[in-house]
Amino acid sequence: MERETKDVTLPTSKSKVVVKQWLTAREDQEIESVMYKAMKMELKGDKRVNVAPIDGSSILDREKKCMETVVISLNADVKNISERLLDLRKEDYNFLKVEVMKVVDFQIAR
C-alpha cells in the first residue's frame, strides 16, 4: 500500500527525516499496547475499574514506539533509526517528536 509521507528538515542539524502521514489501525494498536501492558486494572464489584499507577518508563517506551513507527528514514538511511534518533541533538529530537505526535495524536483523536 502506497502511503503519503512528509519530508521534515530538523532545525539545528538540517538532517532530513521522512515521516508517515497516517497510521494503520495495526500500528495504532501496537503503539497503544505499550501503555496498556504497563497498566494494572482491577474490576470492582460496583462496575468501577481501579487502575494502579504505572511505571514512568512506559511513557518513554511508548515514545520510542511512536518514533519507530512513524519515522521512515533519517538522512535517506532506514537502518537502526530508533538508535540514531536518540543520537540527535535534543532540540532536533524534540522538534521531530512534535511532528511524530501530530500523526499519532490525530489517530487517537478520531
PDB file of N, CA and C in Angstrom:
ATOM      1  N   MET A   1       0.838  -1.167   0.000  1.00  0.00           N
ATOM      2  CA  MET A   1       0.000   0.000   0.000  1.00  0.00           C
ATOM      3  C   MET A   1       0.893   1.243   0.000  1.00  0.00           C
ATOM      4  N   GLU A   2       0.630   2.129  -0.940  1.00  0.00           N
ATOM      5  CA  GLU A   2       1.378   3.390  -1.014  1.00  0.00           C
ATOM      6  C   GLU A   2       0.864   4.328   0.075  1.00  0.00           C
ATOM      7  N   ARG A   3       1.770   4.988   0.741  1.00  0.00           N
ATOM      8  CA  ARG A   3       1.378   5.841   1.856  1.00  0.00           C
ATOM      9  C   ARG A   3       1.964   7.229   1.692  1.00  0.00           C
ATOM     10  N   GLU A   4       1.165   8.243   2.046  1.00  0.00           N
ATOM     11  CA  GLU A   4       1.663   9.608   1.994  1.00  0.00           C
ATOM     12  C   GLU A   4       2.733   9.803   3.061  1.00  0.00           C
ATOM     13  N   THR A   5       3.764  10.532   2.684  1.00  0.00           N
ATOM     14  CA  THR A   5       4.846  10.833   3.617  1.00  0.00           C
ATOM     15  C   THR A   5       5.097  12.340   3.615  1.00  0.00           C
ATOM     16  N   LYS A   6       5.878  12.753   4.562  1.00  0.00           N
ATOM     17  CA  LYS A   6       6.245  14.161   4.678  1.00  0.00           C
ATOM     18  C   LYS A   6       7.735  14.247   4.931  1.00  0.00           C
ATOM     19  N   ASP A   7       8.407  15.161   4.250  1.00  0.00           N
ATOM     20  CA  ASP A   7       9.823  15.420   4.483  1.00  0.00           C
ATOM     21  C   ASP A   7       9.941  16.500   5.556  1.00  0.00           C
ATOM     22  N   VAL A   8      10.749  16.218   6.560  1.00  0.00           N
ATOM     23  CA  VAL A   8      10.956  17.152   7.667  1.00  0.00           C
ATOM     24  C   VAL A   8      12.444  17.465   7.733  1.00  0.00           C
ATOM     25  N   THR A   9      12.777  18.744   7.782  1.00  0.00           N
ATOM     26  CA  THR A   9      14.164  19.169   7.972  1.00  0.00           C
ATOM     27  C   THR A   9      14.323  19.616   9.423  1.00  0.00           C
ATOM     28  N   LEU A  10      15.245  18.991  10.108  1.00  0.00           N
ATOM     29  CA  LEU A  10      15.459  19.317  11.521  1.00  0.00           C
ATOM     30  C   LEU A  10      16.146  20.673  11.628  1.00  0.00           C
ATOM     31  N   PRO A  11      15.743  21.485  12.592  1.00  0.00           N
ATOM     32  CA  PRO A  11      16.196  22.880  12.628  1.00  0.00           C
ATOM     33  C   PRO A  11      17.674  23.098  12.920  1.00  0.00           C
ATOM     34  N   THR A  12      18.275  22.272  13.742  1.00  0.00           N
ATOM     35  CA  THR A  12      19.659  22.507  14.143  1.00  0.00           C
ATOM     36  C   THR A  12      20.650  21.821  13.213  1.00  0.00           C
ATOM     37  N   SER A  13      20.472  20.517  13.036  1.00  0.00           N
ATOM     38  CA  SER A  13      21.429  19.749  12.229  1.00  0.00           C
ATOM     39  C   SER A  13      21.130  19.795  10.742  1.00  0.00           C
ATOM     40  N   LYS A  14      19.914  20.211  10.391  1.00  0.00           N
ATOM     41  CA  LYS A  14      19.432  20.223   9.000  1.00  0.00           C
ATOM     42  C   LYS A  14      19.319  18.813   8.428  1.00  0.00           C
ATOM     43  N   SER A  15      19.299  17.818   9.299  1.00  0.00           N
ATOM     44  CA  SER A  15      19.087  16.438   8.856  1.00  0.00           C
ATOM     45  C   SER A  15      17.713  16.321   8.218  1.00  0.00           C
ATOM     46  N   LYS A  16      17.598  15.400   7.271  1.00  0.00           N
ATOM     47  CA  LYS A  16      16.343  15.169   6.562  1.00  0.00           C
ATOM     48  C   LYS A  16      15.693  13.900   7.107  1.00  0.00           C
ATOM     49  N   VAL A  17      14.433  14.033   7.480  1.00  0.00           N
ATOM     50  CA  VAL A  17      13.684  12.910   8.023  1.00  0.00           C
ATOM     51  C   VAL A  17      12.413  12.744   7.197  1.00  0.00           C
ATOM     52  N   VAL A  18      12.084  11.502   6.880  1.00  0.00           N
ATOM     53  CA  VAL A  18      10.826  11.208   6.190  1.00  0.00           C
ATOM     54  C   VAL A  18       9.922  10.519   7.205  1.00  0.00           C
ATOM     55  N   VAL A  19       8.698  11.055   7.347  1.00  0.00           N
ATOM     56  CA  VAL A  19       7.737  10.500   8.291  1.00  0.00           C
ATOM     57  C   VAL A  19       6.450  10.126   7.568  1.00  0.00           C
ATOM     58  N   LYS A  20       5.760   9.151   8.120  1.00  0.00           N
ATOM     59  CA  LYS A  20       4.444   8.762   7.605  1.00  0.00           C
ATOM     60  C   LYS A  20       3.453   9.861   7.942  1.00  0.00           C
ATOM     61  N   GLN A  21       2.421   9.990   7.125  1.00  0.00           N
ATOM     62  CA  GLN A  21       1.377  10.978   7.367  1.00  0.00           C
ATOM     63  C   GLN A  21       0.175  10.410   8.114  1.00  0.00           C
ATOM     64  N   TRP A  22       0.086   9.088   8.167  1.00  0.00           N
ATOM     65  CA  TRP A  22      -1.008   8.445   8.887  1.00  0.00           C
ATOM     66  C   TRP A  22      -0.595   7.048   9.315  1.00  0.00           C
ATOM     67  N   LEU A  23      -1.345   6.501  10.261  1.00  0.00           N
ATOM     68  CA  LEU A  23      -1.073   5.165  10.792  1.00  0.00           C
ATOM     69  C   LEU A  23      -2.157   4.198  10.356  1.00  0.00           C
ATOM     70  N   THR A  24      -1.790   2.951  10.260  1.00  0.00           N
ATOM     71  CA  THR A  24      -2.801   1.915  10.089  1.00  0.00           C
ATOM     72  C   THR A  24      -3.380   1.606  11.469  1.00  0.00           C
ATOM     73  N   ALA A  25      -4.510   0.930  11.480  1.00  0.00           N
ATOM     74  CA  ALA A  25      -5.105   0.528  12.760  1.00  0.00           C
ATOM     75  C   ALA A  25      -4.151  -0.390  13.515  1.00  0.00           C
ATOM     76  N   ARG A  26      -3.444  -1.258  12.788  1.00  0.00           N
ATOM     77  CA  ARG A  26      -2.485  -2.169  13.417  1.00  0.00           C
ATOM     78  C   ARG A  26      -1.359  -1.385  14.103  1.00  0.00           C
ATOM     79  N   GLU A  27      -0.817  -0.385  13.419  1.00  0.00           N
ATOM     80  CA  GLU A  27       0.248   0.429  14.010  1.00  0.00           C
ATOM     81  C   GLU A  27      -0.255   1.178  15.244  1.00  0.00           C
ATOM     82  N   ASP A  28      -1.464   1.707  15.155  1.00  0.00           N
ATOM     83  CA  ASP A  28      -2.048   2.416  16.285  1.00  0.00           C
ATOM     84  C   ASP A  28      -2.197   1.492  17.488  1.00  0.00           C
ATOM     85  N   GLN A  29      -2.686   0.284  17.256  1.00  0.00           N
ATOM     86  CA  GLN A  29      -2.844  -0.676  18.356  1.00  0.00           C
ATOM     87  C   GLN A  29      -1.501  -1.079  18.952  1.00  0.00           C
ATOM     88  N   GLU A  30      -0.477  -1.222  18.104  1.00  0.00           N
ATOM     89  CA  GLU A  30       0.852  -1.571  18.617  1.00  0.00           C
ATOM     90  C   GLU A  30       1.393  -0.471  19.524  1.00  0.00           C
ATOM     91  N   ILE A  31       1.162   0.777  19.148  1.00  0.00           N
ATOM     92  CA  ILE A  31       1.605   1.899  19.976  1.00  0.00           C
ATOM     93  C   ILE A  31       0.847   1.908  21.295  1.00  0.00           C
ATOM     94  N   GLU A  32      -0.463   1.787  21.227  1.00  0.00           N
ATOM     95  CA  GLU A  32      -1.282   1.834  22.443  1.00  0.00           C
ATOM     96  C   GLU A  32      -1.016   0.641  23.353  1.00  0.00           C
ATOM     97  N   SER A  33      -0.648  -0.487  22.781  1.00  0.00           N
ATOM     98  CA  SER A  33      -0.404  -1.677  23.601  1.00  0.00           C
ATOM     99  C   SER A  33       0.760  -1.478  24.574  1.00  0.00           C
ATOM    100  N   VAL A  34       1.684  -0.601  24.244  1.00  0.00           N
ATOM    101  CA  VAL A  34       2.806  -0.322  25.145  1.00  0.00           C
ATOM    102  C   VAL A  34       2.277   0.190  26.488  1.00  0.00           C
ATOM    103  N   MET A  35       1.306   1.102  26.437  1.00  0.00           N
ATOM    104  CA  MET A  35       0.747   1.646  27.676  1.00  0.00           C
ATOM    105  C   MET A  35      -0.182   0.648  28.358  1.00  0.00           C
ATOM    106  N   TYR A  36      -0.982  -0.037  27.558  1.00  0.00           N
ATOM    107  CA  TYR A  36      -1.924  -0.991  28.152  1.00  0.00           C
ATOM    108  C   TYR A  36      -1.199  -2.125  28.870  1.00  0.00           C
ATOM    109  N   LYS A  37      -0.068  -2.542  28.344  1.00  0.00           N
ATOM    110  CA  LYS A  37       0.711  -3.591  29.007  1.00  0.00           C
ATOM    111  C   LYS A  37       1.250  -3.112  30.355  1.00  0.00           C
ATOM    112  N   ALA A  38       1.481  -1.819  30.480  1.00  0.00           N
ATOM    113  CA  ALA A  38       2.026  -1.265  31.713  1.00  0.00           C
ATOM    114  C   ALA A  38       0.950  -1.044  32.781  1.00  0.00           C
ATOM    115  N   MET A  39      -0.308  -1.022  32.359  1.00  0.00           N
ATOM    116  CA  MET A  39      -1.407  -0.757  33.288  1.00  0.00           C
ATOM    117  C   MET A  39      -1.824  -2.013  34.046  1.00  0.00           C
ATOM    118  N   LYS A  40      -2.141  -1.807  35.286  1.00  0.00           N
ATOM    119  CA  LYS A  40      -2.709  -2.870  36.118  1.00  0.00           C
ATOM    120  C   LYS A  40      -4.124  -2.416  36.473  1.00  0.00           C
ATOM    121  N   MET A  41      -5.128  -3.146  35.976  1.00  0.00           N
ATOM    122  CA  MET A  41      -6.514  -2.774  36.210  1.00  0.00           C
ATOM    123  C   MET A  41      -7.238  -3.867  36.990  1.00  0.00           C
ATOM    124  N   GLU A  42      -8.175  -3.416  37.806  1.00  0.00           N
ATOM    125  CA  GLU A  42      -8.966  -4.339  38.604  1.00  0.00           C
ATOM    126  C   GLU A  42     -10.425  -3.898  38.514  1.00  0.00           C
ATOM    127  N   LEU A  43     -11.307  -4.821  38.161  1.00  0.00           N
ATOM    128  CA  LEU A  43     -12.737  -4.529  38.090  1.00  0.00           C
ATOM    129  C   LEU A  43     -13.343  -4.689  39.476  1.00  0.00           C
ATOM    130  N   LYS A  44     -13.924  -3.606  39.971  1.00  0.00           N
ATOM    131  CA  LYS A  44     -14.568  -3.624  41.283  1.00  0.00           C
ATOM    132  C   LYS A  44     -15.975  -4.195  41.143  1.00  0.00           C
ATOM    133  N   GLY A  45     -16.529  -4.672  42.233  1.00  0.00           N
ATOM    134  CA  GLY A  45     -17.863  -5.246  42.222  1.00  0.00           C
ATOM    135  C   GLY A  45     -18.947  -4.266  41.805  1.00  0.00           C
ATOM    136  N   ASP A  46     -18.712  -2.975  42.003  1.00  0.00           N
ATOM    137  CA  ASP A  46     -19.720  -1.968  41.660  1.00  0.00           C
ATOM    138  C   ASP A  46     -19.508  -1.402  40.252  1.00  0.00           C
ATOM    139  N   LYS A  47     -18.889  -2.193  39.392  1.00  0.00           N
ATOM    140  CA  LYS A  47     -18.675  -1.872  37.968  1.00  0.00           C
ATOM    141  C   LYS A  47     -17.692  -0.722  37.746  1.00  0.00           C
ATOM    142  N   ARG A  48     -16.883  -0.429  38.722  1.00  0.00           N
ATOM    143  CA  ARG A  48     -15.826   0.565  38.557  1.00  0.00           C
ATOM    144  C   ARG A  48     -14.522  -0.166  38.280  1.00  0.00           C
ATOM    145  N   VAL A  49     -13.645   0.530  37.599  1.00  0.00           N
ATOM    146  CA  VAL A  49     -12.324  -0.029  37.306  1.00  0.00           C
ATOM    147  C   VAL A  49     -11.297   0.740  38.118  1.00  0.00           C
ATOM    148  N   ASN A  50     -10.474   0.011  38.852  1.00  0.00           N
ATOM    149  CA  ASN A  50      -9.390   0.603  39.617  1.00  0.00           C
ATOM    150  C   ASN A  50      -8.111   0.438  38.800  1.00  0.00           C
ATOM    151  N   VAL A  51      -7.451   1.532  38.480  1.00  0.00           N
ATOM    152  CA  VAL A  51      -6.210   1.498  37.708  1.00  0.00           C
ATOM    153  C   VAL A  51      -5.069   1.887  38.638  1.00  0.00           C
ATOM    154  N   ALA A  52      -4.099   1.001  38.773  1.00  0.00           N
ATOM    155  CA  ALA A  52      -2.938   1.268  39.617  1.00  0.00           C
ATOM    156  C   ALA A  52      -1.974   2.199  38.880  1.00  0.00           C
ATOM    157  N   PRO A  53      -1.165   2.936  39.627  1.00  0.00           N
ATOM    158  CA  PRO A  53      -0.158   3.789  38.978  1.00  0.00           C
ATOM    159  C   PRO A  53       0.746   2.960  38.059  1.00  0.00           C
ATOM    160  N   ILE A  54       1.170   3.577  36.953  1.00  0.00           N
ATOM    161  CA  ILE A  54       2.035   2.864  36.013  1.00  0.00           C
ATOM    162  C   ILE A  54       3.477   3.325  36.172  1.00  0.00           C
ATOM    163  N   ASP A  55       4.374   2.474  35.752  1.00  0.00           N
ATOM    164  CA  ASP A  55       5.798   2.784  35.772  1.00  0.00           C
ATOM    165  C   ASP A  55       6.074   3.895  34.755  1.00  0.00           C
ATOM    166  N   GLY A  56       6.759   4.925  35.168  1.00  0.00           N
ATOM    167  CA  GLY A  56       7.051   6.058  34.287  1.00  0.00           C
ATOM    168  C   GLY A  56       7.849   5.683  33.056  1.00  0.00           C
ATOM    169  N   SER A  57       8.603   4.606  33.108  1.00  0.00           N
ATOM    170  CA  SER A  57       9.398   4.210  31.940  1.00  0.00           C
ATOM    171  C   SER A  57       8.508   3.799  30.773  1.00  0.00           C
ATOM    172  N   SER A  58       7.253   3.443  31.048  1.00  0.00           N
ATOM    173  CA  SER A  58       6.361   3.058  29.955  1.00  0.00           C
ATOM    174  C   SER A  58       6.052   4.253  29.052  1.00  0.00           C
ATOM    175  N   ILE A  59       6.148   5.456  29.585  1.00  0.00           N
ATOM    176  CA  ILE A  59       5.940   6.650  28.764  1.00  0.00           C
ATOM    177  C   ILE A  59       7.063   6.770  27.743  1.00  0.00           C
ATOM    178  N   LEU A  60       8.296   6.522  28.176  1.00  0.00           N
ATOM    179  CA  LEU A  60       9.426   6.548  27.236  1.00  0.00           C
ATOM    180  C   LEU A  60       9.344   5.394  26.251  1.00  0.00           C
ATOM    181  N   ASP A  61       8.865   4.241  26.700  1.00  0.00           N
ATOM    182  CA  ASP A  61       8.699   3.099  25.798  1.00  0.00           C
ATOM    183  C   ASP A  61       7.685   3.429  24.704  1.00  0.00           C
ATOM    184  N   ARG A  62       6.601   4.104  25.081  1.00  0.00           N
ATOM    185  CA  ARG A  62       5.588   4.488  24.093  1.00  0.00           C
ATOM    186  C   ARG A  62       6.155   5.513  23.120  1.00  0.00           C
ATOM    187  N   GLU A  63       6.913   6.477  23.631  1.00  0.00           N
ATOM    188  CA  GLU A  63       7.529   7.482  22.761  1.00  0.00           C
ATOM    189  C   GLU A  63       8.448   6.811  21.737  1.00  0.00           C
ATOM    190  N   LYS A  64       9.246   5.866  22.210  1.00  0.00           N
ATOM    191  CA  LYS A  64      10.153   5.150  21.309  1.00  0.00           C
ATOM    192  C   LYS A  64       9.356   4.404  20.236  1.00  0.00           C
ATOM    193  N   LYS A  65       8.265   3.755  20.634  1.00  0.00           N
ATOM    194  CA  LYS A  65       7.434   3.022  19.682  1.00  0.00           C
ATOM    195  C   LYS A  65       6.813   3.976  18.662  1.00  0.00           C
ATOM    196  N   CYS A  66       6.390   5.146  19.102  1.00  0.00           N
ATOM    197  CA  CYS A  66       5.846   6.157  18.185  1.00  0.00           C
ATOM    198  C   CYS A  66       6.895   6.566  17.147  1.00  0.00           C
ATOM    199  N   MET A  67       8.095   6.851  17.619  1.00  0.00           N
ATOM    200  CA  MET A  67       9.161   7.276  16.705  1.00  0.00           C
ATOM    201  C   MET A  67       9.504   6.161  15.721  1.00  0.00           C
ATOM    202  N   GLU A  68       9.628   4.930  16.225  1.00  0.00           N
ATOM    203  CA  GLU A  68       9.951   3.795  15.345  1.00  0.00           C
ATOM    204  C   GLU A  68       8.871   3.571  14.289  1.00  0.00           C
ATOM    205  N   THR A  69       7.635   3.797  14.663  1.00  0.00           N
ATOM    206  CA  THR A  69       6.521   3.520  13.771  1.00  0.00           C
ATOM    207  C   THR A  69       6.340   4.601  12.710  1.00  0.00           C
ATOM    208  N   VAL A  70       6.503   5.853  13.084  1.00  0.00           N
ATOM    209  CA  VAL A  70       6.199   6.963  12.179  1.00  0.00           C
ATOM    210  C   VAL A  70       7.388   7.368  11.310  1.00  0.00           C
ATOM    211  N   VAL A  71       8.596   7.313  11.855  1.00  0.00           N
ATOM    212  CA  VAL A  71       9.779   7.744  11.087  1.00  0.00           C
ATOM    213  C   VAL A  71      10.185   6.641  10.118  1.00  0.00           C
ATOM    214  N   ILE A  72      10.314   7.015   8.858  1.00  0.00           N
ATOM    215  CA  ILE A  72      10.693   6.065   7.801  1.00  0.00           C
ATOM    216  C   ILE A  72      12.200   6.069   7.572  1.00  0.00           C
ATOM    217  N   SER A  73      12.782   7.267   7.535  1.00  0.00           N
ATOM    218  CA  SER A  73      14.227   7.337   7.289  1.00  0.00           C
ATOM    219  C   SER A  73      14.818   8.602   7.905  1.00  0.00           C
ATOM    220  N   LEU A  74      16.099   8.521   8.172  1.00  0.00           N
ATOM    221  CA  LEU A  74      16.880   9.648   8.667  1.00  0.00           C
ATOM    222  C   LEU A  74      18.058   9.809   7.734  1.00  0.00           C
ATOM    223  N   ASN A  75      18.116  10.941   7.058  1.00  0.00           N
ATOM    224  CA  ASN A  75      19.151  11.206   6.046  1.00  0.00           C
ATOM    225  C   ASN A  75      19.220  10.080   5.015  1.00  0.00           C
ATOM    226  N   ALA A  76      18.033   9.668   4.550  1.00  0.00           N
ATOM    227  CA  ALA A  76      17.859   8.652   3.500  1.00  0.00           C
ATOM    228  C   ALA A  76      18.333   7.257   3.903  1.00  0.00           C
ATOM    229  N   ASP A  77      18.589   7.046   5.180  1.00  0.00           N
ATOM    230  CA  ASP A  77      19.034   5.747   5.675  1.00  0.00           C
ATOM    231  C   ASP A  77      17.935   5.169   6.571  1.00  0.00           C
ATOM    232  N   VAL A  78      17.528   3.935   6.288  1.00  0.00           N
ATOM    233  CA  VAL A  78      16.447   3.306   7.052  1.00  0.00           C
ATOM    234  C   VAL A  78      16.959   2.389   8.161  1.00  0.00           C
ATOM    235  N   LYS A  79      18.255   2.230   8.265  1.00  0.00           N
ATOM    236  CA  LYS A  79      18.828   1.305   9.239  1.00  0.00           C
ATOM    237  C   LYS A  79      18.937   1.928  10.624  1.00  0.00           C
ATOM    238  N   ASN A  80      18.575   1.119  11.640  1.00  0.00           N
ATOM    239  CA  ASN A  80      18.797   1.460  13.044  1.00  0.00           C
ATOM    240  C   ASN A  80      18.266   2.856  13.409  1.00  0.00           C
ATOM    241  N   ILE A  81      17.078   3.175  12.902  1.00  0.00           N
ATOM    242  CA  ILE A  81      16.544   4.531  13.068  1.00  0.00           C
ATOM    243  C   ILE A  81      16.365   4.912  14.533  1.00  0.00           C
ATOM    244  N   SER A  82      15.782   4.030  15.335  1.00  0.00           N
ATOM    245  CA  SER A  82      15.477   4.432  16.709  1.00  0.00           C
ATOM    246  C   SER A  82      16.737   4.805  17.491  1.00  0.00           C
ATOM    247  N   GLU A  83      17.807   4.076  17.294  1.00  0.00           N
ATOM    248  CA  GLU A  83      19.065   4.403  17.984  1.00  0.00           C
ATOM    249  C   GLU A  83      19.672   5.689  17.429  1.00  0.00           C
ATOM    250  N   ARG A  84      19.605   5.868  16.124  1.00  0.00           N
ATOM    251  CA  ARG A  84      20.176   7.071  15.511  1.00  0.00           C
ATOM    252  C   ARG A  84      19.391   8.321  15.906  1.00  0.00           C
ATOM    253  N   LEU A  85      18.078   8.172  16.078  1.00  0.00           N
ATOM    254  CA  LEU A  85      17.288   9.319  16.519  1.00  0.00           C
ATOM    255  C   LEU A  85      17.709   9.773  17.910  1.00  0.00           C
ATOM    256  N   LEU A  86      18.033   8.825  18.771  1.00  0.00           N
ATOM    257  CA  LEU A  86      18.462   9.176  20.123  1.00  0.00           C
ATOM    258  C   LEU A  86      19.824   9.859  20.156  1.00  0.00           C
ATOM    259  N   ASP A  87      20.572   9.763  19.072  1.00  0.00           N
ATOM    260  CA  ASP A  87      21.868  10.437  18.980  1.00  0.00           C
ATOM    261  C   ASP A  87      21.753  11.849  18.410  1.00  0.00           C
ATOM    262  N   LEU A  88      20.541  12.254  18.022  1.00  0.00           N
ATOM    263  CA  LEU A  88      20.339  13.620  17.544  1.00  0.00           C
ATOM    264  C   LEU A  88      20.483  14.609  18.695  1.00  0.00           C
ATOM    265  N   ARG A  89      20.743  15.863  18.356  1.00  0.00           N
ATOM    266  CA  ARG A  89      20.716  16.902  19.376  1.00  0.00           C
ATOM    267  C   ARG A  89      19.316  16.958  19.971  1.00  0.00           C
ATOM    268  N   LYS A  90      19.235  17.284  21.214  1.00  0.00           N
ATOM    269  CA  LYS A  90      17.950  17.308  21.922  1.00  0.00           C
ATOM    270  C   LYS A  90      16.935  18.206  21.201  1.00  0.00           C
ATOM    271  N   GLU A  91      17.373  19.353  20.719  1.00  0.00           N
ATOM    272  CA  GLU A  91      16.471  20.285  20.035  1.00  0.00           C
ATOM    273  C   GLU A  91      15.867  19.641  18.788  1.00  0.00           C
ATOM    274  N   ASP A  92      16.687  18.944  18.033  1.00  0.00           N
ATOM    275  CA  ASP A  92      16.199  18.274  16.827  1.00  0.00           C
ATOM    276  C   ASP A  92      15.253  17.128  17.172  1.00  0.00           C
ATOM    277  N   TYR A  93      15.611  16.351  18.180  1.00  0.00           N
ATOM    278  CA  TYR A  93      14.767  15.236  18.591  1.00  0.00           C
ATOM    279  C   TYR A  93      13.399  15.739  19.042  1.00  0.00           C
ATOM    280  N   ASN A  94      13.383  16.787  19.849  1.00  0.00           N
ATOM    281  CA  ASN A  94      12.119  17.327  20.337  1.00  0.00           C
ATOM    282  C   ASN A  94      11.276  17.914  19.210  1.00  0.00           C
ATOM    283  N   PHE A  95      11.909  18.550  18.252  1.00  0.00           N
ATOM    284  CA  PHE A  95      11.203  19.071  17.079  1.00  0.00           C
ATOM    285  C   PHE A  95      10.549  17.917  16.314  1.00  0.00           C
ATOM    286  N   LEU A  96      11.308  16.857  16.103  1.00  0.00           N
ATOM    287  CA  LEU A  96      10.785  15.696  15.390  1.00  0.00           C
ATOM    288  C   LEU A  96       9.679  15.019  16.182  1.00  0.00           C
ATOM    289  N   LYS A  97       9.834  14.969  17.485  1.00  0.00           N
ATOM    290  CA  LYS A  97       8.810  14.350  18.337  1.00  0.00           C
ATOM    291  C   LYS A  97       7.466  15.052  18.156  1.00  0.00           C
ATOM    292  N   VAL A  98       7.478  16.370  18.029  1.00  0.00           N
ATOM    293  CA  VAL A  98       6.237  17.121  17.799  1.00  0.00           C
ATOM    294  C   VAL A  98       5.607  16.685  16.477  1.00  0.00           C
ATOM    295  N   GLU A  99       6.420  16.540  15.442  1.00  0.00           N
ATOM    296  CA  GLU A  99       5.904  16.114  14.136  1.00  0.00           C
ATOM    297  C   GLU A  99       5.326  14.696  14.207  1.00  0.00           C
ATOM    298  N   VAL A 100       6.004  13.828  14.906  1.00  0.00           N
ATOM    299  CA  VAL A 100       5.546  12.440  15.046  1.00  0.00           C
ATOM    300  C   VAL A 100       4.248  12.386  15.843  1.00  0.00           C
ATOM    301  N   MET A 101       4.170  13.155  16.914  1.00  0.00           N
ATOM    302  CA  MET A 101       2.977  13.115  17.750  1.00  0.00           C
ATOM    303  C   MET A 101       1.768  13.708  17.044  1.00  0.00           C
ATOM    304  N   LYS A 102       1.969  14.590  16.085  1.00  0.00           N
ATOM    305  CA  LYS A 102       0.844  15.077  15.281  1.00  0.00           C
ATOM    306  C   LYS A 102       0.188  13.910  14.546  1.00  0.00           C
ATOM    307  N   VAL A 103       0.979  12.992  14.060  1.00  0.00           N
ATOM    308  CA  VAL A 103       0.452  11.817  13.355  1.00  0.00           C
ATOM    309  C   VAL A 103      -0.234  10.883  14.346  1.00  0.00           C
ATOM    310  N   VAL A 104       0.409  10.598  15.457  1.00  0.00           N
ATOM    311  CA  VAL A 104      -0.139   9.663  16.446  1.00  0.00           C
ATOM    312  C   VAL A 104      -1.390  10.244  17.096  1.00  0.00           C
ATOM    313  N   ASP A 105      -1.355  11.499  17.508  1.00  0.00           N
ATOM    314  CA  ASP A 105      -2.497  12.109  18.180  1.00  0.00           C
ATOM    315  C   ASP A 105      -3.689  12.252  17.252  1.00  0.00           C
ATOM    316  N   PHE A 106      -3.441  12.460  15.979  1.00  0.00           N
ATOM    317  CA  PHE A 106      -4.548  12.530  15.011  1.00  0.00           C
ATOM    318  C   PHE A 106      -5.299  11.211  15.012  1.00  0.00           C
ATOM    319  N   GLN A 107      -4.566  10.123  15.049  1.00  0.00           N
ATOM    320  CA  GLN A 107      -5.195   8.808  15.057  1.00  0.00           C
ATOM    321  C   GLN A 107      -6.009   8.600  16.332  1.00  0.00           C
ATOM    322  N   ILE A 108      -5.486   9.024  17.466  1.00  0.00           N
ATOM    323  CA  ILE A 108      -6.162   8.810  18.752  1.00  0.00           C
ATOM    324  C   ILE A 108      -7.423   9.681  18.831  1.00  0.00           C
ATOM    325  N   ALA A 109      -7.358  10.904  18.328  1.00  0.00           N
ATOM    326  CA  ALA A 109      -8.490  11.834  18.415  1.00  0.00           C
ATOM    327  C   ALA A 109      -9.673  11.374  17.574  1.00  0.00           C
ATOM    328  N   ARG A 110      -9.455  10.577  16.587  1.00  0.00           N
ATOM    329  CA  ARG A 110     -10.553  10.151  15.701  1.00  0.00           C
ATOM    330  C   ARG A 110     -11.327   9.087  16.330  1.00  0.00           C
TER     331      ARG A 110
END
